[in-house]
Amino acid sequence: MLIYFGVILVSAFLLQGFLGLRQIKNFSKTFHQLRMLAPVAIGKNPKKLRSGTLILLAIKDDGTILEAQMMKGVTIFAKFRELHQLRQKNIAEIAASYQQLKQFDKLTRVCLLDAYKNYLNYKANQLTPQDFDGSVKIWSLPIIEKLKSIYYKGLASLRKKQVNVKEH
């Protein structure tokens, strides 16, 4: 019975990893499409248990948003959707206008303001190296982090048992 549980658990982790990679591929494809139009500002609002949000804005040099895509969701099934109401608007005007911001939910507002902050940093040439890092670090994916956590917990308990055996 325990073996079946282990097989199911490992299968679930592998499925999550596969679907997570598919989501990363969706992000890469969408980012590339927007990047062909103009520089892209990214706004993030990651959450562990609530809905996380990610906004990609293709912005011209004058601040006009050419295209806006948003991914919102709790699961790995979330995909990018167009935000038509942002198209051809100025990012600075949106960020400064309470009336325009209040038409969006709280998660989207936070992402928009984060994207605006990143856009300002880009315009001021003050982006950090982390802002440019678009690589996917496979060893920091959630499934790998969970497996490492389980491994280290098991290793710690094994060492604890060995110390207890040596003491007696």
C-alpha atoms as a PDB file:
ATOM      1  CA  MET A   1       0.000   0.000   0.000  1.00  0.00           C
ATOM      2  CA  LEU A   2       2.837   2.371   0.871  1.00  0.00           C
ATOM      3  CA  ILE A   3       4.478   1.682  -2.497  1.00  0.00           C
ATOM      4  CA  TYR A   4       1.282   2.689  -4.331  1.00  0.00           C
ATOM      5  CA  PHE A   5       1.142   5.915  -2.334  1.00  0.00           C
ATOM      6  CA  GLY A   6       4.779   6.619  -3.245  1.00  0.00           C
ATOM      7  CA  VAL A   7       4.142   5.952  -6.932  1.00  0.00           C
ATOM      8  CA  ILE A   8       1.113   8.260  -6.890  1.00  0.00           C
ATOM      9  CA  LEU A   9       3.085  10.975  -5.081  1.00  0.00           C
ATOM     10  CA  VAL A  10       6.023  10.782  -7.504  1.00  0.00           C
ATOM     11  CA  SER A  11       3.610  10.769 -10.467  1.00  0.00           C
ATOM     12  CA  ALA A  12       1.899  13.888  -9.129  1.00  0.00           C
ATOM     13  CA  PHE A  13       5.244  15.671  -8.743  1.00  0.00           C
ATOM     14  CA  LEU A  14       6.278  14.704 -12.276  1.00  0.00           C
ATOM     15  CA  LEU A  15       2.940  15.869 -13.690  1.00  0.00           C
ATOM     16  CA  GLN A  16       3.290  19.180 -11.852  1.00  0.00           C
ATOM     17  CA  GLY A  17       6.815  19.577 -13.233  1.00  0.00           C
ATOM     18  CA  PHE A  18       5.678  18.840 -16.786  1.00  0.00           C
ATOM     19  CA  LEU A  19       2.753  21.247 -16.590  1.00  0.00           C
ATOM     20  CA  GLY A  20       4.983  23.872 -14.952  1.00  0.00           C
ATOM     21  CA  LEU A  21       7.408  23.614 -17.864  1.00  0.00           C
ATOM     22  CA  ARG A  22       4.473  24.022 -20.246  1.00  0.00           C
ATOM     23  CA  GLN A  23       3.501  27.208 -18.413  1.00  0.00           C
ATOM     24  CA  ILE A  24       7.071  28.499 -18.684  1.00  0.00           C
ATOM     25  CA  LYS A  25       6.954  27.787 -22.430  1.00  0.00           C
ATOM     26  CA  ASN A  26       3.719  29.813 -22.655  1.00  0.00           C
ATOM     27  CA  PHE A  27       5.438  32.696 -20.851  1.00  0.00           C
ATOM     28  CA  SER A  28       8.465  32.540 -23.166  1.00  0.00           C
ATOM     29  CA  LYS A  29       6.302  32.518 -26.285  1.00  0.00           C
ATOM     30  CA  THR A  30       4.164  35.443 -25.107  1.00  0.00           C
ATOM     31  CA  PHE A  31       7.197  37.436 -23.956  1.00  0.00           C
ATOM     32  CA  HIS A  32       8.920  36.899 -27.315  1.00  0.00           C
ATOM     33  CA  GLN A  33       5.820  38.014 -29.249  1.00  0.00           C
ATOM     34  CA  LEU A  34       5.562  41.200 -27.201  1.00  0.00           C
ATOM     35  CA  ARG A  35       9.311  41.801 -27.343  1.00  0.00           C
ATOM     36  CA  MET A  36       9.080  41.921 -31.133  1.00  0.00           C
ATOM     37  CA  LEU A  37       6.745  44.930 -30.769  1.00  0.00           C
ATOM     38  CA  ALA A  38       8.623  46.974 -28.149  1.00  0.00           C
ATOM     39  CA  PRO A  39      10.515  46.705 -24.853  1.00  0.00           C
ATOM     40  CA  VAL A  40       8.476  44.726 -22.335  1.00  0.00           C
ATOM     41  CA  ALA A  41       7.769  45.812 -18.762  1.00  0.00           C
ATOM     42  CA  ILE A  42       6.939  42.939 -16.429  1.00  0.00           C
ATOM     43  CA  GLY A  43       4.736  43.366 -13.371  1.00  0.00           C
ATOM     44  CA  LYS A  44       4.620  40.572 -10.797  1.00  0.00           C
ATOM     45  CA  ASN A  45       2.497  39.764  -7.802  1.00  0.00           C
ATOM     46  CA  PRO A  46       3.468  36.193  -6.871  1.00  0.00           C
ATOM     47  CA  LYS A  47       1.452  34.436  -4.189  1.00  0.00           C
ATOM     48  CA  LYS A  48       1.826  30.993  -2.655  1.00  0.00           C
ATOM     49  CA  LEU A  49      -1.769  30.158  -1.753  1.00  0.00           C
ATOM     50  CA  ARG A  50      -3.755  32.917  -3.439  1.00  0.00           C
ATOM     51  CA  SER A  51      -3.997  33.832  -7.075  1.00  0.00           C
ATOM     52  CA  GLY A  52      -0.661  35.052  -8.429  1.00  0.00           C
ATOM     53  CA  THR A  53      -0.588  37.589 -11.225  1.00  0.00           C
ATOM     54  CA  LEU A  54       1.899  38.453 -13.957  1.00  0.00           C
ATOM     55  CA  ILE A  55       1.536  41.267 -16.492  1.00  0.00           C
ATOM     56  CA  LEU A  56       3.590  41.796 -19.632  1.00  0.00           C
ATOM     57  CA  LEU A  57       3.348  45.240 -21.237  1.00  0.00           C
ATOM     58  CA  ALA A  58       4.926  46.089 -24.614  1.00  0.00           C
ATOM     59  CA  ILE A  59       5.634  49.797 -24.199  1.00  0.00           C
ATOM     60  CA  LYS A  60       6.866  52.287 -26.805  1.00  0.00           C
ATOM     61  CA  ASP A  61       9.506  54.879 -25.895  1.00  0.00           C
ATOM     62  CA  ASP A  62       6.826  57.509 -25.202  1.00  0.00           C
ATOM     63  CA  GLY A  63       5.102  55.224 -22.662  1.00  0.00           C
ATOM     64  CA  THR A  64       2.240  54.080 -24.874  1.00  0.00           C
ATOM     65  CA  ILE A  65       1.199  50.488 -24.249  1.00  0.00           C
ATOM     66  CA  LEU A  66       1.081  48.624 -27.552  1.00  0.00           C
ATOM     67  CA  GLU A  67      -0.008  45.290 -26.116  1.00  0.00           C
ATOM     68  CA  ALA A  68      -0.845  43.969 -22.645  1.00  0.00           C
ATOM     69  CA  GLN A  69      -1.061  40.338 -21.542  1.00  0.00           C
ATOM     70  CA  MET A  70      -1.916  39.054 -18.077  1.00  0.00           C
ATOM     71  CA  MET A  71      -1.602  35.640 -16.444  1.00  0.00           C
ATOM     72  CA  LYS A  72      -3.642  35.217 -13.298  1.00  0.00           C
ATOM     73  CA  GLY A  73      -4.364  32.070 -11.373  1.00  0.00           C
ATOM     74  CA  VAL A  74      -3.548  29.713  -8.561  1.00  0.00           C
ATOM     75  CA  THR A  75      -2.777  26.629 -10.620  1.00  0.00           C
ATOM     76  CA  ILE A  76      -0.343  25.722 -13.344  1.00  0.00           C
ATOM     77  CA  PHE A  77      -3.223  25.858 -15.830  1.00  0.00           C
ATOM     78  CA  ALA A  78      -3.224  29.691 -15.875  1.00  0.00           C
ATOM     79  CA  LYS A  79      -2.499  31.187 -19.294  1.00  0.00           C
ATOM     80  CA  PHE A  80      -1.955  34.671 -20.659  1.00  0.00           C
ATOM     81  CA  ARG A  81      -5.005  36.688 -21.640  1.00  0.00           C
ATOM     82  CA  GLU A  82      -5.130  40.025 -23.453  1.00  0.00           C
ATOM     83  CA  LEU A  83      -5.966  43.191 -21.552  1.00  0.00           C
ATOM     84  CA  HIS A  84      -7.685  45.235 -24.270  1.00  0.00           C
ATOM     85  CA  GLN A  85      -8.482  48.147 -21.936  1.00  0.00           C
ATOM     86  CA  LEU A  86      -4.756  48.986 -21.581  1.00  0.00           C
ATOM     87  CA  ARG A  87      -3.980  49.108 -25.285  1.00  0.00           C
ATOM     88  CA  GLN A  88      -2.911  52.540 -26.605  1.00  0.00           C
ATOM     89  CA  LYS A  89      -2.932  54.096 -23.126  1.00  0.00           C
ATOM     90  CA  ASN A  90       0.062  55.708 -21.444  1.00  0.00           C
ATOM     91  CA  ILE A  91       1.567  53.689 -18.577  1.00  0.00           C
ATOM     92  CA  ALA A  92       2.369  56.835 -16.561  1.00  0.00           C
ATOM     93  CA  GLU A  93      -1.189  58.138 -16.850  1.00  0.00           C
ATOM     94  CA  ILE A  94      -2.641  54.800 -15.763  1.00  0.00           C
ATOM     95  CA  ALA A  95      -0.290  54.541 -12.772  1.00  0.00           C
ATOM     96  CA  ALA A  96      -1.087  58.117 -11.702  1.00  0.00           C
ATOM     97  CA  SER A  97      -4.862  57.937 -12.158  1.00  0.00           C
ATOM     98  CA  TYR A  98      -6.933  56.442  -9.365  1.00  0.00           C
ATOM     99  CA  GLN A  99      -9.958  56.403 -11.683  1.00  0.00           C
ATOM    100  CA  GLN A 100      -8.166  54.253 -14.242  1.00  0.00           C
ATOM    101  CA  LEU A 101      -6.581  51.958 -11.664  1.00  0.00           C
ATOM    102  CA  LYS A 102      -9.817  51.284  -9.799  1.00  0.00           C
ATOM    103  CA  GLN A 103     -11.336  49.579 -12.848  1.00  0.00           C
ATOM    104  CA  PHE A 104      -8.952  46.667 -12.133  1.00  0.00           C
ATOM    105  CA  ASP A 105      -8.938  44.261  -9.199  1.00  0.00           C
ATOM    106  CA  LYS A 106      -6.305  44.617  -6.464  1.00  0.00           C
ATOM    107  CA  LEU A 107      -3.947  41.959  -7.851  1.00  0.00           C
ATOM    108  CA  THR A 108      -3.954  43.567 -11.295  1.00  0.00           C
ATOM    109  CA  ARG A 109      -3.374  47.047  -9.813  1.00  0.00           C
ATOM    110  CA  VAL A 110      -0.333  45.785  -7.888  1.00  0.00           C
ATOM    111  CA  CYS A 111       1.053  44.226 -11.086  1.00  0.00           C
ATOM    112  CA  LEU A 112       0.453  47.374 -13.107  1.00  0.00           C
ATOM    113  CA  LEU A 113       2.261  49.492 -10.531  1.00  0.00           C
ATOM    114  CA  ASP A 114       5.137  46.988 -10.400  1.00  0.00           C
ATOM    115  CA  ALA A 115       5.387  47.077 -14.221  1.00  0.00           C
ATOM    116  CA  TYR A 116       5.402  50.886 -14.087  1.00  0.00           C
ATOM    117  CA  LYS A 117       8.206  50.818 -11.499  1.00  0.00           C
ATOM    118  CA  ASN A 118      10.198  48.466 -13.742  1.00  0.00           C
ATOM    119  CA  TYR A 119       9.503  50.700 -16.749  1.00  0.00           C
ATOM    120  CA  LEU A 120      10.824  53.736 -14.846  1.00  0.00           C
ATOM    121  CA  ASN A 121      13.936  51.784 -13.815  1.00  0.00           C
ATOM    122  CA  TYR A 122      14.448  50.782 -17.447  1.00  0.00           C
ATOM    123  CA  LYS A 123      14.114  54.387 -18.649  1.00  0.00           C
ATOM    124  CA  ALA A 124      16.552  55.568 -15.948  1.00  0.00           C
ATOM    125  CA  ASN A 125      19.031  52.745 -16.758  1.00  0.00           C
ATOM    126  CA  GLN A 126      18.770  51.519 -13.170  1.00  0.00           C
ATOM    127  CA  LEU A 127      17.703  47.938 -13.729  1.00  0.00           C
ATOM    128  CA  THR A 128      19.500  45.358 -11.633  1.00  0.00           C
ATOM    129  CA  PRO A 129      20.980  42.188 -13.185  1.00  0.00           C
ATOM    130  CA  GLN A 130      18.042  40.227 -11.694  1.00  0.00           C
ATOM    131  CA  ASP A 131      15.638  42.327 -13.778  1.00  0.00           C
ATOM    132  CA  PHE A 132      17.388  41.085 -16.931  1.00  0.00           C
ATOM    133  CA  ASP A 133      17.572  37.446 -15.875  1.00  0.00           C
ATOM    134  CA  GLY A 134      15.047  35.615 -18.020  1.00  0.00           C
ATOM    135  CA  SER A 135      16.607  32.201 -17.632  1.00  0.00           C
ATOM    136  CA  VAL A 136      14.727  29.278 -16.193  1.00  0.00           C
ATOM    137  CA  LYS A 137      16.570  27.752 -13.283  1.00  0.00           C
ATOM    138  CA  ILE A 138      15.366  24.170 -13.315  1.00  0.00           C
ATOM    139  CA  TRP A 139      16.818  23.506  -9.852  1.00  0.00           C
ATOM    140  CA  SER A 140      14.573  26.184  -8.353  1.00  0.00           C
ATOM    141  CA  LEU A 141      11.299  24.867  -9.812  1.00  0.00           C
ATOM    142  CA  PRO A 142       8.699  24.085  -7.117  1.00  0.00           C
ATOM    143  CA  ILE A 143       8.824  20.339  -7.719  1.00  0.00           C
ATOM    144  CA  ILE A 144      12.610  20.239  -7.339  1.00  0.00           C
ATOM    145  CA  GLU A 145      12.469  22.428  -4.223  1.00  0.00           C
ATOM    146  CA  LYS A 146       9.903  20.063  -2.693  1.00  0.00           C
ATOM    147  CA  LEU A 147      11.990  16.994  -3.519  1.00  0.00           C
ATOM    148  CA  LYS A 148      15.112  18.642  -2.044  1.00  0.00           C
ATOM    149  CA  SER A 149      13.145  19.523   1.092  1.00  0.00           C
ATOM    150  CA  ILE A 150      11.969  15.929   1.502  1.00  0.00           C
ATOM    151  CA  TYR A 151      15.500  14.645   0.900  1.00  0.00           C
ATOM    152  CA  TYR A 152      17.077  16.962   3.472  1.00  0.00           C
ATOM    153  CA  LYS A 153      14.399  16.196   6.075  1.00  0.00           C
ATOM    154  CA  GLY A 154      14.975  12.476   5.564  1.00  0.00           C
ATOM    155  CA  LEU A 155      18.730  12.955   5.769  1.00  0.00           C
ATOM    156  CA  ALA A 156      18.392  14.956   8.999  1.00  0.00           C
ATOM    157  CA  SER A 157      16.165  12.323  10.621  1.00  0.00           C
ATOM    158  CA  LEU A 158      18.579   9.574   9.533  1.00  0.00           C
ATOM    159  CA  ARG A 159      21.513  11.427  11.107  1.00  0.00           C
ATOM    160  CA  LYS A 160      19.484  11.989  14.259  1.00  0.00           C
ATOM    161  CA  LYS A 161      18.792   8.243  14.490  1.00  0.00           C
ATOM    162  CA  GLN A 162      22.483   7.457  13.977  1.00  0.00           C
ATOM    163  CA  VAL A 163      23.460   9.853  16.801  1.00  0.00           C
ATOM    164  CA  ASN A 164      20.856   8.264  19.106  1.00  0.00           C
ATOM    165  CA  VAL A 165      22.175   4.763  18.306  1.00  0.00           C
ATOM    166  CA  LYS A 166      25.786   5.824  19.053  1.00  0.00           C
ATOM    167  CA  GLU A 167      24.757   7.350  22.407  1.00  0.00           C
ATOM    168  CA  HIS A 168      23.165   4.088  23.604  1.00  0.00           C
END
